[in-house]
Amino acid sequence: MTNGKKVALALLFFWFCLVIWAAFFYAPRAVGFKGESARIVFFHVPQAWVAVLAFCVNLVASLRFLRHRRLLDDARAAAAARLGLLFAVLATVSGSLFAKVMWGSFWNWDPREISIAILLLVYAAYFALRQAVNDPERRGSLAAAYAILAFVTMPFLVFVVPRIYWSLHPDTIISAQGTVNVQMEPRMFQVLLGSVLGFSGLFWWLYSLEVRLARLNLWREHGGE
């Protein structure tokens, strides 16, 4: 690891420590929530954001594979989808913890809960497809085509469905009318944006590690392709 990467990793670690401190000691207690349950927003929302970001990267890498037929692009797409699925699971878990505190149950069949569950199944099927095909070229083509279809469902499940029907889920940044929620206390909003930046940096670091590992594996298996 180069000195520059070490510094970047150290800054990322420091940023997360600062965000965690701010989430519990700088941001005020939110009105209308049980206890300190609203503080989970500083982790739940960034996790959901990173999942969306990762699925966007998966789409771009998939399109690049279909255009150039490079196995590294297929590996980039798989890495992004893997991280997207991971952060979607984390967002589901953190959301379930919030639901338990606020509404007494981890799962309430809320439209947002149902839509994220469907999204998890959609991208889990992406990896089931990859496991079912042995030929790298064919696997990349089928996975890229599926990734495009999966991405079409993603905005609908994440942004549209949860706002069509009545939902228990509170509006954090985007309201049910599709407008920016400006009622959040300024210090809470500052911490939330800081956490989004931190989680985005964590995603890019993990993604770069996966891509470097994939590049090394391709070099070993296919002569550096």
C-alpha atoms as a PDB file:
ATOM      1  CA  MET A   1       0.000   0.000   0.000  1.00  0.00           C
ATOM      2  CA  THR A   2       1.389   3.381  -1.043  1.00  0.00           C
ATOM      3  CA  ASN A   3       1.756   6.277   1.370  1.00  0.00           C
ATOM      4  CA  GLY A   4      -1.085   8.118  -0.360  1.00  0.00           C
ATOM      5  CA  LYS A   5      -3.457   5.202   0.121  1.00  0.00           C
ATOM      6  CA  LYS A   6      -2.414   4.849   3.742  1.00  0.00           C
ATOM      7  CA  VAL A   7      -3.185   8.522   4.333  1.00  0.00           C
ATOM      8  CA  ALA A   8      -6.554   8.169   2.582  1.00  0.00           C
ATOM      9  CA  LEU A   9      -7.430   5.133   4.696  1.00  0.00           C
ATOM     10  CA  ALA A  10      -6.384   6.953   7.882  1.00  0.00           C
ATOM     11  CA  LEU A  11      -8.533   9.958   6.919  1.00  0.00           C
ATOM     12  CA  LEU A  12     -11.484   7.657   6.228  1.00  0.00           C
ATOM     13  CA  PHE A  13     -11.080   6.031   9.645  1.00  0.00           C
ATOM     14  CA  PHE A  14     -10.849   9.450  11.325  1.00  0.00           C
ATOM     15  CA  TRP A  15     -13.924  10.651   9.431  1.00  0.00           C
ATOM     16  CA  PHE A  16     -15.962   7.656  10.615  1.00  0.00           C
ATOM     17  CA  CYS A  17     -14.875   8.227  14.207  1.00  0.00           C
ATOM     18  CA  LEU A  18     -15.944  11.858  13.876  1.00  0.00           C
ATOM     19  CA  VAL A  19     -19.315  10.878  12.366  1.00  0.00           C
ATOM     20  CA  ILE A  20     -19.995   8.332  15.132  1.00  0.00           C
ATOM     21  CA  TRP A  21     -19.152  10.915  17.796  1.00  0.00           C
ATOM     22  CA  ALA A  22     -21.327  13.528  16.111  1.00  0.00           C
ATOM     23  CA  ALA A  23     -24.220  11.086  15.704  1.00  0.00           C
ATOM     24  CA  PHE A  24     -24.442  10.547  19.450  1.00  0.00           C
ATOM     25  CA  PHE A  25     -23.121  13.771  20.979  1.00  0.00           C
ATOM     26  CA  TYR A  26     -23.390  16.628  18.443  1.00  0.00           C
ATOM     27  CA  ALA A  27     -26.746  15.936  16.797  1.00  0.00           C
ATOM     28  CA  PRO A  28     -29.720  16.774  19.019  1.00  0.00           C
ATOM     29  CA  ARG A  29     -32.407  14.317  20.008  1.00  0.00           C
ATOM     30  CA  ALA A  30     -35.160  14.236  17.400  1.00  0.00           C
ATOM     31  CA  VAL A  31     -38.711  15.126  18.388  1.00  0.00           C
ATOM     32  CA  GLY A  32     -41.450  12.596  17.756  1.00  0.00           C
ATOM     33  CA  PHE A  33     -39.317   9.455  18.037  1.00  0.00           C
ATOM     34  CA  LYS A  34     -39.030   6.978  20.878  1.00  0.00           C
ATOM     35  CA  GLY A  35     -35.861   7.446  22.902  1.00  0.00           C
ATOM     36  CA  GLU A  36     -32.779   7.841  20.759  1.00  0.00           C
ATOM     37  CA  SER A  37     -34.141   5.719  17.891  1.00  0.00           C
ATOM     38  CA  ALA A  38     -33.892   8.551  15.353  1.00  0.00           C
ATOM     39  CA  ARG A  39     -30.084   8.415  15.535  1.00  0.00           C
ATOM     40  CA  ILE A  40     -30.141   5.267  13.437  1.00  0.00           C
ATOM     41  CA  VAL A  41     -30.878   7.543  10.471  1.00  0.00           C
ATOM     42  CA  PHE A  42     -27.178   8.490  10.448  1.00  0.00           C
ATOM     43  CA  PHE A  43     -26.354   4.904   9.483  1.00  0.00           C
ATOM     44  CA  HIS A  44     -29.518   3.582   7.809  1.00  0.00           C
ATOM     45  CA  VAL A  45     -29.857   6.293   5.154  1.00  0.00           C
ATOM     46  CA  PRO A  46     -26.149   6.230   4.124  1.00  0.00           C
ATOM     47  CA  GLN A  47     -26.296   2.431   3.854  1.00  0.00           C
ATOM     48  CA  ALA A  48     -29.308   2.686   1.536  1.00  0.00           C
ATOM     49  CA  TRP A  49     -27.570   5.440  -0.449  1.00  0.00           C
ATOM     50  CA  VAL A  50     -24.441   3.317  -0.935  1.00  0.00           C
ATOM     51  CA  ALA A  51     -26.575   0.379  -2.098  1.00  0.00           C
ATOM     52  CA  VAL A  52     -28.091   2.599  -4.804  1.00  0.00           C
ATOM     53  CA  LEU A  53     -24.633   3.947  -5.713  1.00  0.00           C
ATOM     54  CA  ALA A  54     -23.235   0.416  -6.005  1.00  0.00           C
ATOM     55  CA  PHE A  55     -26.075  -0.721  -8.253  1.00  0.00           C
ATOM     56  CA  CYS A  56     -25.403   2.307 -10.483  1.00  0.00           C
ATOM     57  CA  VAL A  57     -21.740   1.273 -10.749  1.00  0.00           C
ATOM     58  CA  ASN A  58     -22.894  -2.265 -11.534  1.00  0.00           C
ATOM     59  CA  LEU A  59     -24.958  -0.919 -14.429  1.00  0.00           C
ATOM     60  CA  VAL A  60     -22.097   1.156 -15.864  1.00  0.00           C
ATOM     61  CA  ALA A  61     -19.627  -1.731 -15.628  1.00  0.00           C
ATOM     62  CA  SER A  62     -22.150  -4.090 -17.224  1.00  0.00           C
ATOM     63  CA  LEU A  63     -22.666  -1.725 -20.159  1.00  0.00           C
ATOM     64  CA  ARG A  64     -18.894  -1.421 -20.548  1.00  0.00           C
ATOM     65  CA  PHE A  65     -18.601  -5.208 -20.665  1.00  0.00           C
ATOM     66  CA  LEU A  66     -21.245  -5.480 -23.384  1.00  0.00           C
ATOM     67  CA  ARG A  67     -19.386  -2.864 -25.400  1.00  0.00           C
ATOM     68  CA  HIS A  68     -15.763  -3.962 -24.947  1.00  0.00           C
ATOM     69  CA  ARG A  69     -16.105  -7.623 -23.836  1.00  0.00           C
ATOM     70  CA  ARG A  70     -13.374  -7.242 -21.210  1.00  0.00           C
ATOM     71  CA  LEU A  71     -13.541  -9.689 -18.330  1.00  0.00           C
ATOM     72  CA  LEU A  72     -12.295  -7.034 -15.936  1.00  0.00           C
ATOM     73  CA  ASP A  73     -15.445  -5.011 -16.588  1.00  0.00           C
ATOM     74  CA  ASP A  74     -17.515  -8.070 -15.721  1.00  0.00           C
ATOM     75  CA  ALA A  75     -15.507  -8.408 -12.509  1.00  0.00           C
ATOM     76  CA  ARG A  76     -16.133  -4.728 -11.758  1.00  0.00           C
ATOM     77  CA  ALA A  77     -19.867  -5.261 -12.258  1.00  0.00           C
ATOM     78  CA  ALA A  78     -19.903  -8.287  -9.952  1.00  0.00           C
ATOM     79  CA  ALA A  79     -17.920  -6.455  -7.271  1.00  0.00           C
ATOM     80  CA  ALA A  80     -20.297  -3.493  -7.328  1.00  0.00           C
ATOM     81  CA  ALA A  81     -23.372  -5.737  -7.172  1.00  0.00           C
ATOM     82  CA  ARG A  82     -21.863  -7.697  -4.293  1.00  0.00           C
ATOM     83  CA  LEU A  83     -21.258  -4.528  -2.276  1.00  0.00           C
ATOM     84  CA  GLY A  84     -24.664  -3.172  -3.232  1.00  0.00           C
ATOM     85  CA  LEU A  85     -26.319  -6.307  -1.927  1.00  0.00           C
ATOM     86  CA  LEU A  86     -24.258  -6.118   1.267  1.00  0.00           C
ATOM     87  CA  PHE A  87     -25.229  -2.514   1.994  1.00  0.00           C
ATOM     88  CA  ALA A  88     -28.862  -3.210   1.086  1.00  0.00           C
ATOM     89  CA  VAL A  89     -28.860  -5.991   3.694  1.00  0.00           C
ATOM     90  CA  LEU A  90     -27.298  -3.609   6.244  1.00  0.00           C
ATOM     91  CA  ALA A  91     -29.950  -0.991   5.458  1.00  0.00           C
ATOM     92  CA  THR A  92     -32.658  -3.627   5.916  1.00  0.00           C
ATOM     93  CA  VAL A  93     -31.226  -4.725   9.257  1.00  0.00           C
ATOM     94  CA  SER A  94     -30.833  -1.178  10.592  1.00  0.00           C
ATOM     95  CA  GLY A  95     -34.325  -0.324   9.390  1.00  0.00           C
ATOM     96  CA  SER A  96     -35.712  -3.387  11.157  1.00  0.00           C
ATOM     97  CA  LEU A  97     -34.046  -2.324  14.405  1.00  0.00           C
ATOM     98  CA  PHE A  98     -35.679   1.094  14.084  1.00  0.00           C
ATOM     99  CA  ALA A  99     -39.041  -0.560  13.365  1.00  0.00           C
ATOM    100  CA  LYS A 100     -38.743  -2.706  16.486  1.00  0.00           C
ATOM    101  CA  VAL A 101     -38.217   0.352  18.675  1.00  0.00           C
ATOM    102  CA  MET A 102     -40.875   2.523  17.033  1.00  0.00           C
ATOM    103  CA  TRP A 103     -43.601   0.053  16.141  1.00  0.00           C
ATOM    104  CA  GLY A 104     -42.857  -3.011  18.279  1.00  0.00           C
ATOM    105  CA  SER A 105     -41.961  -5.392  15.457  1.00  0.00           C
ATOM    106  CA  PHE A 106     -38.911  -5.977  13.272  1.00  0.00           C
ATOM    107  CA  TRP A 107     -41.169  -6.454  10.223  1.00  0.00           C
ATOM    108  CA  ASN A 108     -44.457  -4.622   9.629  1.00  0.00           C
ATOM    109  CA  TRP A 109     -45.129  -5.320   5.929  1.00  0.00           C
ATOM    110  CA  ASP A 110     -44.597  -1.650   5.237  1.00  0.00           C
ATOM    111  CA  PRO A 111     -44.296  -0.730   1.509  1.00  0.00           C
ATOM    112  CA  ARG A 112     -40.654   0.259   2.013  1.00  0.00           C
ATOM    113  CA  GLU A 113     -39.873  -3.024   3.738  1.00  0.00           C
ATOM    114  CA  ILE A 114     -41.561  -5.012   0.983  1.00  0.00           C
ATOM    115  CA  SER A 115     -39.827  -3.065  -1.794  1.00  0.00           C
ATOM    116  CA  ILE A 116     -36.344  -3.541  -0.280  1.00  0.00           C
ATOM    117  CA  ALA A 117     -37.053  -7.255   0.191  1.00  0.00           C
ATOM    118  CA  ILE A 118     -37.937  -7.542  -3.499  1.00  0.00           C
ATOM    119  CA  LEU A 119     -34.805  -5.607  -4.442  1.00  0.00           C
ATOM    120  CA  LEU A 120     -32.678  -8.020  -2.385  1.00  0.00           C
ATOM    121  CA  LEU A 121     -34.230 -10.964  -4.232  1.00  0.00           C
ATOM    122  CA  VAL A 122     -33.657  -9.286  -7.608  1.00  0.00           C
ATOM    123  CA  TYR A 123     -29.925  -8.848  -7.007  1.00  0.00           C
ATOM    124  CA  ALA A 124     -29.543 -12.189  -5.239  1.00  0.00           C
ATOM    125  CA  ALA A 125     -30.821 -13.740  -8.473  1.00  0.00           C
ATOM    126  CA  TYR A 126     -27.994 -11.902 -10.286  1.00  0.00           C
ATOM    127  CA  PHE A 127     -25.465 -14.003  -8.387  1.00  0.00           C
ATOM    128  CA  ALA A 128     -27.519 -17.165  -8.812  1.00  0.00           C
ATOM    129  CA  LEU A 129     -27.301 -16.558 -12.561  1.00  0.00           C
ATOM    130  CA  ARG A 130     -23.553 -16.048 -12.405  1.00  0.00           C
ATOM    131  CA  GLN A 131     -23.091 -19.280 -10.464  1.00  0.00           C
ATOM    132  CA  ALA A 132     -25.128 -21.218 -13.026  1.00  0.00           C
ATOM    133  CA  VAL A 133     -22.851 -20.347 -15.987  1.00  0.00           C
ATOM    134  CA  ASN A 134     -19.264 -21.585 -16.181  1.00  0.00           C
ATOM    135  CA  ASP A 135     -18.024 -19.938 -19.379  1.00  0.00           C
ATOM    136  CA  PRO A 136     -16.658 -16.471 -18.452  1.00  0.00           C
ATOM    137  CA  GLU A 137     -17.732 -14.750 -21.681  1.00  0.00           C
ATOM    138  CA  ARG A 138     -21.247 -16.148 -21.632  1.00  0.00           C
ATOM    139  CA  ARG A 139     -21.562 -15.530 -17.895  1.00  0.00           C
ATOM    140  CA  GLY A 140     -20.528 -11.915 -18.371  1.00  0.00           C
ATOM    141  CA  SER A 141     -23.010 -11.374 -21.216  1.00  0.00           C
ATOM    142  CA  LEU A 142     -25.961 -12.920 -19.391  1.00  0.00           C
ATOM    143  CA  ALA A 143     -25.091 -11.179 -16.127  1.00  0.00           C
ATOM    144  CA  ALA A 144     -24.744  -7.811 -17.875  1.00  0.00           C
ATOM    145  CA  ALA A 145     -28.107  -8.198 -19.611  1.00  0.00           C
ATOM    146  CA  TYR A 146     -29.729  -9.160 -16.306  1.00  0.00           C
ATOM    147  CA  ALA A 147     -28.022  -6.239 -14.527  1.00  0.00           C
ATOM    148  CA  ILE A 148     -29.625  -3.802 -16.958  1.00  0.00           C
ATOM    149  CA  LEU A 149     -33.076  -5.257 -16.292  1.00  0.00           C
ATOM    150  CA  ALA A 150     -32.421  -5.307 -12.535  1.00  0.00           C
ATOM    151  CA  PHE A 151     -31.387  -1.655 -12.559  1.00  0.00           C
ATOM    152  CA  VAL A 152     -34.648  -0.694 -14.264  1.00  0.00           C
ATOM    153  CA  THR A 153     -36.523  -2.084 -11.254  1.00  0.00           C
ATOM    154  CA  MET A 154     -34.233  -0.420  -8.702  1.00  0.00           C
ATOM    155  CA  PRO A 155     -35.473   3.223  -8.913  1.00  0.00           C
ATOM    156  CA  PHE A 156     -39.066   1.965  -9.008  1.00  0.00           C
ATOM    157  CA  LEU A 157     -38.605  -0.146  -5.876  1.00  0.00           C
ATOM    158  CA  VAL A 158     -36.489   2.374  -3.962  1.00  0.00           C
ATOM    159  CA  PHE A 159     -38.112   5.699  -4.850  1.00  0.00           C
ATOM    160  CA  VAL A 160     -41.560   5.091  -6.385  1.00  0.00           C
ATOM    161  CA  VAL A 161     -43.298   2.180  -4.640  1.00  0.00           C
ATOM    162  CA  PRO A 162     -42.620   3.394  -1.072  1.00  0.00           C
ATOM    163  CA  ARG A 163     -44.301   6.718  -1.913  1.00  0.00           C
ATOM    164  CA  ILE A 164     -47.366   5.396  -3.708  1.00  0.00           C
ATOM    165  CA  TYR A 165     -49.051   3.927  -0.651  1.00  0.00           C
ATOM    166  CA  TRP A 166     -49.313   5.022   2.971  1.00  0.00           C
ATOM    167  CA  SER A 167     -46.172   4.120   4.878  1.00  0.00           C
ATOM    168  CA  LEU A 168     -45.047   4.005   8.480  1.00  0.00           C
ATOM    169  CA  HIS A 169     -41.585   5.007   7.351  1.00  0.00           C
ATOM    170  CA  PRO A 170     -40.748   8.650   8.213  1.00  0.00           C
ATOM    171  CA  ASP A 171     -39.600  11.021   5.472  1.00  0.00           C
ATOM    172  CA  THR A 172     -35.920  11.749   6.039  1.00  0.00           C
ATOM    173  CA  ILE A 173     -34.513  13.648   3.060  1.00  0.00           C
ATOM    174  CA  ILE A 174     -37.060  13.162   0.260  1.00  0.00           C
ATOM    175  CA  SER A 175     -40.692  13.604   1.260  1.00  0.00           C
ATOM    176  CA  ALA A 176     -43.661  11.651  -0.066  1.00  0.00           C
ATOM    177  CA  GLN A 177     -44.276  14.531  -2.473  1.00  0.00           C
ATOM    178  CA  GLY A 178     -40.774  14.127  -3.925  1.00  0.00           C
ATOM    179  CA  THR A 179     -39.460  17.360  -2.430  1.00  0.00           C
ATOM    180  CA  VAL A 180     -36.434  17.863  -0.191  1.00  0.00           C
ATOM    181  CA  ASN A 181     -37.328  17.742   3.474  1.00  0.00           C
ATOM    182  CA  VAL A 182     -36.064  21.024   4.934  1.00  0.00           C
ATOM    183  CA  GLN A 183     -37.564  20.447   8.368  1.00  0.00           C
ATOM    184  CA  MET A 184     -34.649  18.371   9.661  1.00  0.00           C
ATOM    185  CA  GLU A 185     -32.682  20.117  12.403  1.00  0.00           C
ATOM    186  CA  PRO A 186     -29.524  21.652  10.835  1.00  0.00           C
ATOM    187  CA  ARG A 187     -27.061  19.747  13.033  1.00  0.00           C
ATOM    188  CA  MET A 188     -28.793  16.450  12.254  1.00  0.00           C
ATOM    189  CA  PHE A 189     -28.632  17.238   8.541  1.00  0.00           C
ATOM    190  CA  GLN A 190     -24.919  18.069   8.809  1.00  0.00           C
ATOM    191  CA  VAL A 191     -24.165  14.766  10.528  1.00  0.00           C
ATOM    192  CA  LEU A 192     -26.291  12.876   7.999  1.00  0.00           C
ATOM    193  CA  LEU A 193     -24.421  14.389   5.056  1.00  0.00           C
ATOM    194  CA  GLY A 194     -21.098  13.674   6.768  1.00  0.00           C
ATOM    195  CA  SER A 195     -22.124  10.053   7.246  1.00  0.00           C
ATOM    196  CA  VAL A 196     -23.187   9.775   3.600  1.00  0.00           C
ATOM    197  CA  LEU A 197     -19.729  10.995   2.562  1.00  0.00           C
ATOM    198  CA  GLY A 198     -18.046   8.543   4.931  1.00  0.00           C
ATOM    199  CA  PHE A 199     -20.056   5.553   3.730  1.00  0.00           C
ATOM    200  CA  SER A 200     -19.448   6.574   0.113  1.00  0.00           C
ATOM    201  CA  GLY A 201     -15.710   6.634   0.800  1.00  0.00           C
ATOM    202  CA  LEU A 202     -15.949   3.221   2.458  1.00  0.00           C
ATOM    203  CA  PHE A 203     -17.710   1.852  -0.598  1.00  0.00           C
ATOM    204  CA  TRP A 204     -15.073   3.135  -3.015  1.00  0.00           C
ATOM    205  CA  TRP A 205     -12.295   1.726  -0.838  1.00  0.00           C
ATOM    206  CA  LEU A 206     -13.920  -1.714  -0.662  1.00  0.00           C
ATOM    207  CA  TYR A 207     -14.719  -1.580  -4.352  1.00  0.00           C
ATOM    208  CA  SER A 208     -11.136  -0.711  -5.281  1.00  0.00           C
ATOM    209  CA  LEU A 209      -9.889  -3.645  -3.197  1.00  0.00           C
ATOM    210  CA  GLU A 210     -12.262  -6.037  -4.959  1.00  0.00           C
ATOM    211  CA  VAL A 211     -11.285  -4.740  -8.397  1.00  0.00           C
ATOM    212  CA  ARG A 212      -7.556  -5.055  -7.654  1.00  0.00           C
ATOM    213  CA  LEU A 213      -8.086  -8.610  -6.457  1.00  0.00           C
ATOM    214  CA  ALA A 214     -10.115  -9.410  -9.573  1.00  0.00           C
ATOM    215  CA  ARG A 215      -7.395  -7.916 -11.781  1.00  0.00           C
ATOM    216  CA  LEU A 216      -4.805 -10.112 -10.081  1.00  0.00           C
ATOM    217  CA  ASN A 217      -6.959 -13.227 -10.511  1.00  0.00           C
ATOM    218  CA  LEU A 218      -7.496 -12.461 -14.199  1.00  0.00           C
ATOM    219  CA  TRP A 219      -3.779 -11.949 -14.667  1.00  0.00           C
ATOM    220  CA  ARG A 220      -3.140 -15.377 -13.155  1.00  0.00           C
ATOM    221  CA  GLU A 221      -5.920 -17.170 -15.046  1.00  0.00           C
ATOM    222  CA  HIS A 222      -6.012 -15.383 -18.391  1.00  0.00           C
ATOM    223  CA  GLY A 223      -2.601 -13.882 -18.870  1.00  0.00           C
ATOM    224  CA  GLY A 224      -3.475 -10.435 -17.572  1.00  0.00           C
ATOM    225  CA  GLU A 225      -6.683  -9.982 -19.533  1.00  0.00           C
END
